[in-house]
Amino acid sequence: MPLFDFHCQLCDKTSELLVRGNDTPSCPHCGSTQIDKLLSLPAAPGQSKAIIANARRAAAKEGHFSNFSAKERKSLLKG
């Protein structure tokens, strides 16, 4: 199920909503169905080595090692 951005004509608020098929969404703020679907740009995953390294450090700091290879996990747990 895709997420879409919508702008309510009645209360002038923008929301991100999960919408199934041809369902008509309503504004979560005021309940109006007078909402416009906005054009959203896709967010590409971070591909720079610095972004990936930073995310891995943050995950390891929180105890999440699933994104590391077995060899990397072993060396991290020793240190």
PDB file of N, CA and C in Angstrom:
ATOM      1  N   MET A   1       0.850  -1.186   0.000  1.00  0.00           N
ATOM      2  CA  MET A   1       0.000   0.000   0.000  1.00  0.00           C
ATOM      3  C   MET A   1       0.886   1.236   0.000  1.00  0.00           C
ATOM      4  N   PRO A   2       0.675   2.077  -0.941  1.00  0.00           N
ATOM      5  CA  PRO A   2       1.525   3.267  -1.042  1.00  0.00           C
ATOM      6  C   PRO A   2       1.087   4.401  -0.126  1.00  0.00           C
ATOM      7  N   LEU A   3       2.064   5.201   0.257  1.00  0.00           N
ATOM      8  CA  LEU A   3       1.816   6.423   1.015  1.00  0.00           C
ATOM      9  C   LEU A   3       1.753   7.582   0.032  1.00  0.00           C
ATOM     10  N   PHE A   4       0.793   8.458   0.236  1.00  0.00           N
ATOM     11  CA  PHE A   4       0.650   9.630  -0.615  1.00  0.00           C
ATOM     12  C   PHE A   4       0.505  10.870   0.257  1.00  0.00           C
ATOM     13  N   ASP A   5       0.943  11.991  -0.267  1.00  0.00           N
ATOM     14  CA  ASP A   5       0.742  13.275   0.396  1.00  0.00           C
ATOM     15  C   ASP A   5      -0.549  13.884  -0.136  1.00  0.00           C
ATOM     16  N   PHE A   6      -1.359  14.418   0.778  1.00  0.00           N
ATOM     17  CA  PHE A   6      -2.614  15.061   0.418  1.00  0.00           C
ATOM     18  C   PHE A   6      -2.699  16.425   1.078  1.00  0.00           C
ATOM     19  N   HIS A   7      -3.364  17.352   0.416  1.00  0.00           N
ATOM     20  CA  HIS A   7      -3.593  18.684   0.973  1.00  0.00           C
ATOM     21  C   HIS A   7      -5.093  18.906   1.077  1.00  0.00           C
ATOM     22  N   CYS A   8      -5.559  19.236   2.279  1.00  0.00           N
ATOM     23  CA  CYS A   8      -6.983  19.455   2.525  1.00  0.00           C
ATOM     24  C   CYS A   8      -7.374  20.872   2.108  1.00  0.00           C
ATOM     25  N   GLN A   9      -8.432  20.968   1.297  1.00  0.00           N
ATOM     26  CA  GLN A   9      -8.934  22.271   0.857  1.00  0.00           C
ATOM     27  C   GLN A   9      -9.667  22.993   1.986  1.00  0.00           C
ATOM     28  N   LEU A  10     -10.242  22.215   2.898  1.00  0.00           N
ATOM     29  CA  LEU A  10     -11.054  22.808   3.960  1.00  0.00           C
ATOM     30  C   LEU A  10     -10.202  23.400   5.094  1.00  0.00           C
ATOM     31  N   CYS A  11      -9.268  22.618   5.631  1.00  0.00           N
ATOM     32  CA  CYS A  11      -8.480  23.103   6.776  1.00  0.00           C
ATOM     33  C   CYS A  11      -7.067  23.555   6.379  1.00  0.00           C
ATOM     34  N   ASP A  12      -6.698  23.405   5.112  1.00  0.00           N
ATOM     35  CA  ASP A  12      -5.421  23.868   4.577  1.00  0.00           C
ATOM     36  C   ASP A  12      -4.220  23.177   5.223  1.00  0.00           C
ATOM     37  N   LYS A  13      -4.365  21.880   5.574  1.00  0.00           N
ATOM     38  CA  LYS A  13      -3.262  21.114   6.155  1.00  0.00           C
ATOM     39  C   LYS A  13      -2.849  20.011   5.187  1.00  0.00           C
ATOM     40  N   THR A  14      -1.582  19.644   5.256  1.00  0.00           N
ATOM     41  CA  THR A  14      -1.035  18.582   4.419  1.00  0.00           C
ATOM     42  C   THR A  14      -0.749  17.366   5.284  1.00  0.00           C
ATOM     43  N   SER A  15      -1.093  16.182   4.764  1.00  0.00           N
ATOM     44  CA  SER A  15      -0.902  14.942   5.511  1.00  0.00           C
ATOM     45  C   SER A  15      -0.385  13.852   4.594  1.00  0.00           C
ATOM     46  N   GLU A  16       0.333  12.917   5.171  1.00  0.00           N
ATOM     47  CA  GLU A  16       0.773  11.732   4.445  1.00  0.00           C
ATOM     48  C   GLU A  16      -0.167  10.603   4.853  1.00  0.00           C
ATOM     49  N   LEU A  17      -0.811   9.968   3.873  1.00  0.00           N
ATOM     50  CA  LEU A  17      -1.817   8.954   4.164  1.00  0.00           C
ATOM     51  C   LEU A  17      -1.528   7.661   3.426  1.00  0.00           C
ATOM     52  N   LEU A  18      -1.854   6.553   4.059  1.00  0.00           N
ATOM     53  CA  LEU A  18      -1.762   5.236   3.468  1.00  0.00           C
ATOM     54  C   LEU A  18      -3.089   4.967   2.778  1.00  0.00           C
ATOM     55  N   VAL A  19      -3.070   4.744   1.460  1.00  0.00           N
ATOM     56  CA  VAL A  19      -4.307   4.617   0.700  1.00  0.00           C
ATOM     57  C   VAL A  19      -4.317   3.304  -0.061  1.00  0.00           C
ATOM     58  N   ARG A  20      -5.428   2.586   0.050  1.00  0.00           N
ATOM     59  CA  ARG A  20      -5.602   1.315  -0.665  1.00  0.00           C
ATOM     60  C   ARG A  20      -6.393   1.545  -1.942  1.00  0.00           C
ATOM     61  N   GLY A  21      -5.903   0.991  -3.032  1.00  0.00           N
ATOM     62  CA  GLY A  21      -6.619   0.997  -4.305  1.00  0.00           C
ATOM     63  C   GLY A  21      -7.353   2.277  -4.632  1.00  0.00           C
ATOM     64  N   ASN A  22      -8.662   2.166  -4.789  1.00  0.00           N
ATOM     65  CA  ASN A  22      -9.493   3.310  -5.164  1.00  0.00           C
ATOM     66  C   ASN A  22     -10.203   3.945  -3.973  1.00  0.00           C
ATOM     67  N   ASP A  23      -9.735   3.682  -2.760  1.00  0.00           N
ATOM     68  CA  ASP A  23     -10.341   4.293  -1.568  1.00  0.00           C
ATOM     69  C   ASP A  23     -10.232   5.811  -1.639  1.00  0.00           C
ATOM     70  N   THR A  24     -11.267   6.470  -1.142  1.00  0.00           N
ATOM     71  CA  THR A  24     -11.241   7.930  -1.057  1.00  0.00           C
ATOM     72  C   THR A  24     -10.822   8.300   0.353  1.00  0.00           C
ATOM     73  N   PRO A  25      -9.629   8.868   0.503  1.00  0.00           N
ATOM     74  CA  PRO A  25      -9.167   9.212   1.847  1.00  0.00           C
ATOM     75  C   PRO A  25      -9.859  10.462   2.376  1.00  0.00           C
ATOM     76  N   SER A  26      -9.818  10.599   3.689  1.00  0.00           N
ATOM     77  CA  SER A  26     -10.346  11.811   4.319  1.00  0.00           C
ATOM     78  C   SER A  26      -9.245  12.448   5.149  1.00  0.00           C
ATOM     79  N   CYS A  27      -9.368  13.737   5.365  1.00  0.00           N
ATOM     80  CA  CYS A  27      -8.379  14.490   6.120  1.00  0.00           C
ATOM     81  C   CYS A  27      -8.370  14.011   7.575  1.00  0.00           C
ATOM     82  N   PRO A  28      -7.206  13.654   8.112  1.00  0.00           N
ATOM     83  CA  PRO A  28      -7.143  13.211   9.503  1.00  0.00           C
ATOM     84  C   PRO A  28      -7.364  14.352  10.507  1.00  0.00           C
ATOM     85  N   HIS A  29      -7.283  15.601  10.036  1.00  0.00           N
ATOM     86  CA  HIS A  29      -7.442  16.748  10.922  1.00  0.00           C
ATOM     87  C   HIS A  29      -8.901  17.178  11.058  1.00  0.00           C
ATOM     88  N   CYS A  30      -9.614  17.222   9.918  1.00  0.00           N
ATOM     89  CA  CYS A  30     -10.990  17.728   9.969  1.00  0.00           C
ATOM     90  C   CYS A  30     -12.018  16.742   9.429  1.00  0.00           C
ATOM     91  N   GLY A  31     -11.573  15.640   8.813  1.00  0.00           N
ATOM     92  CA  GLY A  31     -12.488  14.635   8.300  1.00  0.00           C
ATOM     93  C   GLY A  31     -13.030  14.911   6.904  1.00  0.00           C
ATOM     94  N   SER A  32     -12.649  16.004   6.298  1.00  0.00           N
ATOM     95  CA  SER A  32     -13.141  16.371   4.971  1.00  0.00           C
ATOM     96  C   SER A  32     -12.588  15.428   3.902  1.00  0.00           C
ATOM     97  N   THR A  33     -13.385  15.176   2.867  1.00  0.00           N
ATOM     98  CA  THR A  33     -12.912  14.396   1.730  1.00  0.00           C
ATOM     99  C   THR A  33     -12.525  15.311   0.564  1.00  0.00           C
ATOM    100  N   GLN A  34     -12.527  16.606   0.802  1.00  0.00           N
ATOM    101  CA  GLN A  34     -12.113  17.580  -0.210  1.00  0.00           C
ATOM    102  C   GLN A  34     -10.599  17.766  -0.118  1.00  0.00           C
ATOM    103  N   ILE A  35      -9.882  16.724  -0.525  1.00  0.00           N
ATOM    104  CA  ILE A  35      -8.427  16.774  -0.443  1.00  0.00           C
ATOM    105  C   ILE A  35      -7.831  16.510  -1.822  1.00  0.00           C
ATOM    106  N   ASP A  36      -6.692  17.110  -2.060  1.00  0.00           N
ATOM    107  CA  ASP A  36      -5.979  16.971  -3.323  1.00  0.00           C
ATOM    108  C   ASP A  36      -4.736  16.127  -3.117  1.00  0.00           C
ATOM    109  N   LYS A  37      -4.522  15.191  -4.017  1.00  0.00           N
ATOM    110  CA  LYS A  37      -3.323  14.364  -3.978  1.00  0.00           C
ATOM    111  C   LYS A  37      -2.160  15.202  -4.516  1.00  0.00           C
ATOM    112  N   LEU A  38      -1.076  15.232  -3.775  1.00  0.00           N
ATOM    113  CA  LEU A  38       0.090  16.021  -4.165  1.00  0.00           C
ATOM    114  C   LEU A  38       1.104  15.147  -4.896  1.00  0.00           C
ATOM    115  N   LEU A  39       1.879  15.752  -5.733  1.00  0.00           N
ATOM    116  CA  LEU A  39       2.954  15.067  -6.421  1.00  0.00           C
ATOM    117  C   LEU A  39       4.129  14.942  -5.458  1.00  0.00           C
ATOM    118  N   SER A  40       4.567  13.729  -5.208  1.00  0.00           N
ATOM    119  CA  SER A  40       5.677  13.495  -4.286  1.00  0.00           C
ATOM    120  C   SER A  40       6.875  12.970  -5.055  1.00  0.00           C
ATOM    121  N   LEU A  41       8.042  13.450  -4.717  1.00  0.00           N
ATOM    122  CA  LEU A  41       9.263  12.953  -5.323  1.00  0.00           C
ATOM    123  C   LEU A  41       9.752  11.746  -4.542  1.00  0.00           C
ATOM    124  N   PRO A  42      10.199  10.709  -5.222  1.00  0.00           N
ATOM    125  CA  PRO A  42      10.718   9.545  -4.499  1.00  0.00           C
ATOM    126  C   PRO A  42      12.027   9.891  -3.805  1.00  0.00           C
ATOM    127  N   ALA A  43      12.229   9.303  -2.655  1.00  0.00           N
ATOM    128  CA  ALA A  43      13.471   9.515  -1.913  1.00  0.00           C
ATOM    129  C   ALA A  43      14.401   8.338  -2.173  1.00  0.00           C
ATOM    130  N   ALA A  44      15.489   8.612  -2.834  1.00  0.00           N
ATOM    131  CA  ALA A  44      16.453   7.548  -3.120  1.00  0.00           C
ATOM    132  C   ALA A  44      17.204   7.181  -1.848  1.00  0.00           C
ATOM    133  N   PRO A  45      17.529   5.912  -1.669  1.00  0.00           N
ATOM    134  CA  PRO A  45      18.289   5.533  -0.479  1.00  0.00           C
ATOM    135  C   PRO A  45      19.674   6.157  -0.508  1.00  0.00           C
ATOM    136  N   GLY A  46      20.206   6.431   0.662  1.00  0.00           N
ATOM    137  CA  GLY A  46      21.542   7.029   0.757  1.00  0.00           C
ATOM    138  C   GLY A  46      22.591   6.092   0.192  1.00  0.00           C
ATOM    139  N   GLN A  47      23.369   6.582  -0.720  1.00  0.00           N
ATOM    140  CA  GLN A  47      24.368   5.737  -1.357  1.00  0.00           C
ATOM    141  C   GLN A  47      25.803   6.175  -1.057  1.00  0.00           C
ATOM    142  N   SER A  48      25.968   7.309  -0.409  1.00  0.00           N
ATOM    143  CA  SER A  48      27.343   7.731  -0.140  1.00  0.00           C
ATOM    144  C   SER A  48      27.911   6.888   0.997  1.00  0.00           C
ATOM    145  N   LYS A  49      29.178   6.617   0.903  1.00  0.00           N
ATOM    146  CA  LYS A  49      29.836   5.791   1.913  1.00  0.00           C
ATOM    147  C   LYS A  49      29.741   6.420   3.294  1.00  0.00           C
ATOM    148  N   ALA A  50      29.777   7.728   3.370  1.00  0.00           N
ATOM    149  CA  ALA A  50      29.703   8.408   4.663  1.00  0.00           C
ATOM    150  C   ALA A  50      28.322   8.228   5.294  1.00  0.00           C
ATOM    151  N   ILE A  51      27.270   8.315   4.496  1.00  0.00           N
ATOM    152  CA  ILE A  51      25.907   8.134   5.020  1.00  0.00           C
ATOM    153  C   ILE A  51      25.725   6.709   5.522  1.00  0.00           C
ATOM    154  N   ILE A  52      26.181   5.740   4.722  1.00  0.00           N
ATOM    155  CA  ILE A  52      26.054   4.332   5.107  1.00  0.00           C
ATOM    156  C   ILE A  52      26.865   4.040   6.363  1.00  0.00           C
ATOM    157  N   ALA A  53      28.086   4.539   6.439  1.00  0.00           N
ATOM    158  CA  ALA A  53      28.932   4.309   7.616  1.00  0.00           C
ATOM    159  C   ALA A  53      28.313   4.923   8.863  1.00  0.00           C
ATOM    160  N   ASN A  54      27.746   6.114   8.735  1.00  0.00           N
ATOM    161  CA  ASN A  54      27.105   6.771   9.865  1.00  0.00           C
ATOM    162  C   ASN A  54      25.892   5.969  10.347  1.00  0.00           C
ATOM    163  N   ALA A  55      25.101   5.472   9.415  1.00  0.00           N
ATOM    164  CA  ALA A  55      23.924   4.676   9.778  1.00  0.00           C
ATOM    165  C   ALA A  55      24.331   3.377  10.452  1.00  0.00           C
ATOM    166  N   ARG A  56      25.386   2.761   9.968  1.00  0.00           N
ATOM    167  CA  ARG A  56      25.858   1.519  10.583  1.00  0.00           C
ATOM    168  C   ARG A  56      26.384   1.764  11.999  1.00  0.00           C
ATOM    169  N   ARG A  57      27.101   2.868  12.200  1.00  0.00           N
ATOM    170  CA  ARG A  57      27.595   3.208  13.546  1.00  0.00           C
ATOM    171  C   ARG A  57      26.427   3.428  14.504  1.00  0.00           C
ATOM    172  N   ALA A  58      25.417   4.143  14.039  1.00  0.00           N
ATOM    173  CA  ALA A  58      24.249   4.403  14.885  1.00  0.00           C
ATOM    174  C   ALA A  58      23.534   3.099  15.226  1.00  0.00           C
ATOM    175  N   ALA A  59      23.398   2.199  14.244  1.00  0.00           N
ATOM    176  CA  ALA A  59      22.749   0.911  14.490  1.00  0.00           C
ATOM    177  C   ALA A  59      23.554   0.080  15.489  1.00  0.00           C
ATOM    178  N   ALA A  60      24.864   0.046  15.320  1.00  0.00           N
ATOM    179  CA  ALA A  60      25.712  -0.721  16.233  1.00  0.00           C
ATOM    180  C   ALA A  60      25.648  -0.156  17.642  1.00  0.00           C
ATOM    181  N   LYS A  61      25.602   1.159  17.752  1.00  0.00           N
ATOM    182  CA  LYS A  61      25.516   1.807  19.062  1.00  0.00           C
ATOM    183  C   LYS A  61      24.233   1.404  19.792  1.00  0.00           C
ATOM    184  N   GLU A  62      23.173   1.181  19.012  1.00  0.00           N
ATOM    185  CA  GLU A  62      21.883   0.770  19.590  1.00  0.00           C
ATOM    186  C   GLU A  62      21.774  -0.742  19.737  1.00  0.00           C
ATOM    187  N   GLY A  63      22.816  -1.472  19.319  1.00  0.00           N
ATOM    188  CA  GLY A  63      22.814  -2.924  19.473  1.00  0.00           C
ATOM    189  C   GLY A  63      22.238  -3.679  18.290  1.00  0.00           C
ATOM    190  N   HIS A  64      22.074  -3.025  17.152  1.00  0.00           N
ATOM    191  CA  HIS A  64      21.548  -3.675  15.952  1.00  0.00           C
ATOM    192  C   HIS A  64      22.707  -4.012  15.031  1.00  0.00           C
ATOM    193  N   PHE A  65      22.978  -5.298  14.863  1.00  0.00           N
ATOM    194  CA  PHE A  65      24.116  -5.719  14.054  1.00  0.00           C
ATOM    195  C   PHE A  65      23.687  -6.476  12.804  1.00  0.00           C
ATOM    196  N   SER A  66      22.396  -6.515  12.475  1.00  0.00           N
ATOM    197  CA  SER A  66      21.924  -7.300  11.347  1.00  0.00           C
ATOM    198  C   SER A  66      22.436  -6.795  10.002  1.00  0.00           C
ATOM    199  N   ASN A  67      22.847  -5.552   9.909  1.00  0.00           N
ATOM    200  CA  ASN A  67      23.324  -5.022   8.636  1.00  0.00           C
ATOM    201  C   ASN A  67      24.839  -5.183   8.470  1.00  0.00           C
ATOM    202  N   PHE A  68      25.470  -5.916   9.372  1.00  0.00           N
ATOM    203  CA  PHE A  68      26.903  -6.181   9.289  1.00  0.00           C
ATOM    204  C   PHE A  68      27.117  -7.639   8.886  1.00  0.00           C
ATOM    205  N   SER A  69      28.213  -7.933   8.205  1.00  0.00           N
ATOM    206  CA  SER A  69      28.552  -9.313   7.858  1.00  0.00           C
ATOM    207  C   SER A  69      28.954 -10.060   9.140  1.00  0.00           C
ATOM    208  N   ALA A  70      29.005 -11.372   9.052  1.00  0.00           N
ATOM    209  CA  ALA A  70      29.389 -12.179  10.225  1.00  0.00           C
ATOM    210  C   ALA A  70      30.785 -11.812  10.700  1.00  0.00           C
ATOM    211  N   LYS A  71      31.689 -11.571   9.763  1.00  0.00           N
ATOM    212  CA  LYS A  71      33.065 -11.192  10.111  1.00  0.00           C
ATOM    213  C   LYS A  71      33.085  -9.838  10.831  1.00  0.00           C
ATOM    214  N   GLU A  72      32.307  -8.893  10.321  1.00  0.00           N
ATOM    215  CA  GLU A  72      32.248  -7.564  10.948  1.00  0.00           C
ATOM    216  C   GLU A  72      31.628  -7.650  12.345  1.00  0.00           C
ATOM    217  N   ARG A  73      30.567  -8.459  12.495  1.00  0.00           N
ATOM    218  CA  ARG A  73      29.930  -8.612  13.817  1.00  0.00           C
ATOM    219  C   ARG A  73      30.925  -9.165  14.828  1.00  0.00           C
ATOM    220  N   LYS A  74      31.698 -10.146  14.394  1.00  0.00           N
ATOM    221  CA  LYS A  74      32.682 -10.768  15.288  1.00  0.00           C
ATOM    222  C   LYS A  74      33.701  -9.736  15.756  1.00  0.00           C
ATOM    223  N   SER A  75      34.220  -8.927  14.847  1.00  0.00           N
ATOM    224  CA  SER A  75      35.225  -7.931  15.233  1.00  0.00           C
ATOM    225  C   SER A  75      34.605  -6.819  16.093  1.00  0.00           C
ATOM    226  N   LEU A  76      33.354  -6.468  15.841  1.00  0.00           N
ATOM    227  CA  LEU A  76      32.697  -5.435  16.643  1.00  0.00           C
ATOM    228  C   LEU A  76      32.447  -5.908  18.080  1.00  0.00           C
ATOM    229  N   LEU A  77      32.055  -7.145  18.214  1.00  0.00           N
ATOM    230  CA  LEU A  77      31.749  -7.672  19.541  1.00  0.00           C
ATOM    231  C   LEU A  77      33.008  -7.889  20.375  1.00  0.00           C
ATOM    232  N   LYS A  78      34.154  -8.081  19.737  1.00  0.00           N
ATOM    233  CA  LYS A  78      35.426  -8.221  20.469  1.00  0.00           C
ATOM    234  C   LYS A  78      35.888  -6.869  20.991  1.00  0.00           C
ATOM    235  N   GLY A  79      35.667  -5.810  20.187  1.00  0.00           N
ATOM    236  CA  GLY A  79      36.185  -4.489  20.520  1.00  0.00           C
ATOM    237  C   GLY A  79      35.290  -3.782  21.393  1.00  0.00           C
TER     238      GLY A  79
END
